[in-house]
Amino acid sequence: MTERMNLAELEPGAYEAMLGLEKYLSRSTLPKSLRHLVELRASQINGCAYCVDMHSSEAKAQGESDARLHAVAVWREAPFFDERERAALELTEAVTRLSDGHGVPDDVWQQAAKHFDEHELAQLLMMITTINAWNRISVATRKVPASYQG
């Protein structure tokens, strides 16, 4: 696999705008562990090897267990996640899979709203939106995972 382009070098203004979203997310009141789960799940759905590698590595470095990281792909069947995390993962899947034509069902939104206040829900939505944008950039440019030693 060969990287197609380096967006940061070719369009630094666009890249800096994306980093502005990252700066906003770094001030989120939501737990970093939740952010890692959301970023990992969206990246799995989108088939983004670079982001799966990065977010699982970051989560592990911040103390996330292997069991939980491995179970993100099958979170519905795994006992490792609390109700708040499940609501966030369900919303992540709905927002990430908009092209399936179902939108974000009311019950999914209501479940998330039950576990997150309005400001937290807005932050969660921006986390999901931002990782989906990064996934699209990384998949399109074939960004090579940082841990790859080929």
Protein backbone atom coordinates (compact mmCIF):
# COMPACT_ATOMS: atom_id res chain seq x y z
CA MET A 1 0.00 0.00 0.00
CA THR A 2 1.40 3.35 -1.03
CA GLU A 3 0.14 6.62 0.37
CA ARG A 4 -1.47 8.67 -2.40
CA MET A 5 -0.81 12.14 -1.02
CA ASN A 6 0.06 14.09 2.08
CA LEU A 7 -2.86 16.46 2.63
CA ALA A 8 -1.03 18.38 5.36
CA GLU A 9 1.73 19.32 2.89
CA LEU A 10 -0.49 19.97 -0.13
CA GLU A 11 -3.31 21.88 1.60
CA PRO A 12 -2.04 23.06 4.97
CA GLY A 13 -5.01 25.41 5.45
CA ALA A 14 -7.49 22.56 5.18
CA TYR A 15 -5.38 20.40 7.47
CA GLU A 16 -5.13 23.21 10.03
CA ALA A 17 -8.92 23.60 9.94
CA MET A 18 -9.28 19.91 10.81
CA LEU A 19 -6.77 20.37 13.62
CA GLY A 20 -8.99 23.18 14.89
CA LEU A 21 -11.72 20.59 15.43
CA GLU A 22 -9.20 18.43 17.29
CA LYS A 23 -8.33 21.39 19.54
CA TYR A 24 -12.03 21.87 20.30
CA LEU A 25 -12.42 18.15 21.08
CA SER A 26 -9.42 18.19 23.41
CA ARG A 27 -11.41 20.52 25.67
CA SER A 28 -14.43 18.22 25.76
CA THR A 29 -15.89 17.38 29.16
CA LEU A 30 -16.48 13.81 27.99
CA PRO A 31 -14.04 11.14 29.19
CA LYS A 32 -11.09 10.46 26.89
CA SER A 33 -11.88 6.75 27.17
CA LEU A 34 -15.28 7.39 25.57
CA ARG A 35 -13.69 9.41 22.79
CA HIS A 36 -11.34 6.52 22.02
CA LEU A 37 -14.25 4.07 21.81
CA VAL A 38 -16.18 6.39 19.47
CA GLU A 39 -13.17 7.04 17.25
CA LEU A 40 -12.26 3.37 17.11
CA ARG A 41 -15.79 2.22 16.25
CA ALA A 42 -16.31 4.79 13.49
CA SER A 43 -12.88 3.96 12.07
CA GLN A 44 -13.72 0.24 12.03
CA ILE A 45 -16.98 0.88 10.19
CA ASN A 46 -15.24 3.14 7.66
CA GLY A 47 -12.40 0.68 7.10
CA CYS A 48 -9.73 3.18 8.09
CA ALA A 49 -6.61 1.18 8.97
CA TYR A 50 -4.63 4.30 9.89
CA CYS A 51 -7.25 5.53 12.38
CA VAL A 52 -7.95 2.08 13.86
CA ASP A 53 -4.22 1.74 14.50
CA MET A 54 -3.89 5.23 15.96
CA HIS A 55 -6.96 5.21 18.20
CA SER A 56 -6.44 1.71 19.56
CA SER A 57 -2.78 2.56 20.31
CA GLU A 58 -3.73 5.84 22.02
CA ALA A 59 -6.45 4.12 24.05
CA LYS A 60 -4.07 1.38 25.17
CA ALA A 61 -1.43 3.95 26.12
CA GLN A 62 -4.04 5.69 28.30
CA GLY A 63 -4.89 2.48 30.12
CA GLU A 64 -7.69 0.94 28.07
CA SER A 65 -7.80 -2.84 28.37
CA ASP A 66 -7.15 -5.20 25.48
CA ALA A 67 -10.48 -6.91 26.18
CA ARG A 68 -12.46 -3.69 25.67
CA LEU A 69 -10.46 -2.64 22.61
CA HIS A 70 -10.95 -6.02 20.95
CA ALA A 71 -14.65 -5.98 21.81
CA VAL A 72 -15.47 -2.59 20.27
CA ALA A 73 -16.28 -4.27 16.96
CA VAL A 74 -18.83 -6.49 18.73
CA TRP A 75 -19.90 -4.13 21.52
CA ARG A 76 -23.54 -5.23 21.47
CA GLU A 77 -22.53 -8.80 22.35
CA ALA A 78 -19.78 -7.89 24.82
CA PRO A 79 -20.23 -7.25 28.55
CA PHE A 80 -17.44 -4.67 28.78
CA PHE A 81 -19.42 -1.47 28.15
CA ASP A 82 -21.77 0.48 30.39
CA GLU A 83 -25.09 1.96 29.25
CA ARG A 84 -23.60 5.39 28.55
CA GLU A 85 -20.87 3.91 26.36
CA ARG A 86 -23.45 1.76 24.58
CA ALA A 87 -25.58 4.81 23.83
CA ALA A 88 -22.51 6.61 22.43
CA LEU A 89 -21.52 3.61 20.30
CA GLU A 90 -25.08 3.26 18.96
CA LEU A 91 -25.13 6.95 18.01
CA THR A 92 -21.67 6.60 16.46
CA GLU A 93 -22.90 3.77 14.25
CA ALA A 94 -26.05 5.65 13.20
CA VAL A 95 -24.20 8.87 12.32
CA THR A 96 -21.40 6.97 10.58
CA ARG A 97 -23.82 4.89 8.50
CA LEU A 98 -25.99 7.73 7.18
CA SER A 99 -25.61 6.38 3.65
CA ASP A 100 -27.62 3.29 4.66
CA GLY A 101 -30.67 5.51 4.29
CA HIS A 102 -31.98 5.21 7.83
CA GLY A 103 -30.64 8.49 9.16
CA VAL A 104 -30.36 8.69 12.93
CA PRO A 105 -33.47 7.02 14.34
CA ASP A 106 -35.35 8.84 17.09
CA ASP A 107 -34.86 5.99 19.56
CA VAL A 108 -31.08 6.11 19.07
CA TRP A 109 -31.02 9.87 19.60
CA GLN A 110 -33.33 9.64 22.64
CA GLN A 111 -31.17 6.94 24.22
CA ALA A 112 -28.09 9.13 23.80
CA ALA A 113 -29.98 12.14 25.18
CA LYS A 114 -30.89 10.06 28.23
CA HIS A 115 -27.18 9.57 29.04
CA PHE A 116 -25.70 12.89 27.90
CA ASP A 117 -26.85 16.44 28.60
CA GLU A 118 -27.25 18.79 25.62
CA HIS A 119 -23.68 20.10 25.75
CA GLU A 120 -22.25 16.59 26.05
CA LEU A 121 -24.46 15.39 23.22
CA ALA A 122 -23.21 18.25 21.05
CA GLN A 123 -19.62 17.32 21.92
CA LEU A 124 -20.32 13.67 21.14
CA LEU A 125 -21.83 14.58 17.78
CA MET A 126 -18.75 16.65 16.94
CA MET A 127 -16.49 13.73 17.94
CA ILE A 128 -18.38 11.44 15.60
CA THR A 129 -18.43 14.00 12.79
CA THR A 130 -14.72 14.76 13.11
CA ILE A 131 -13.55 11.15 13.14
CA ASN A 132 -15.70 10.43 10.10
CA ALA A 133 -14.02 13.31 8.26
CA TRP A 134 -10.55 12.06 9.26
CA ASN A 135 -11.51 8.53 8.17
CA ARG A 136 -12.54 9.76 4.75
CA ILE A 137 -9.32 11.70 4.32
CA SER A 138 -7.16 8.78 5.48
CA VAL A 139 -8.97 6.13 3.42
CA ALA A 140 -8.96 8.29 0.27
CA THR A 141 -5.25 9.08 0.59
CA ARG A 142 -4.36 5.55 1.77
CA LYS A 143 -2.62 6.88 4.84
CA VAL A 144 -0.31 4.17 6.15
CA PRO A 145 -0.74 3.18 9.83
CA ALA A 146 1.98 4.65 12.01
CA SER A 147 2.85 1.29 13.57
CA TYR A 148 3.34 -0.43 10.19
CA GLN A 149 6.94 -1.56 9.79
CA GLY A 150 6.87 -2.67 6.11
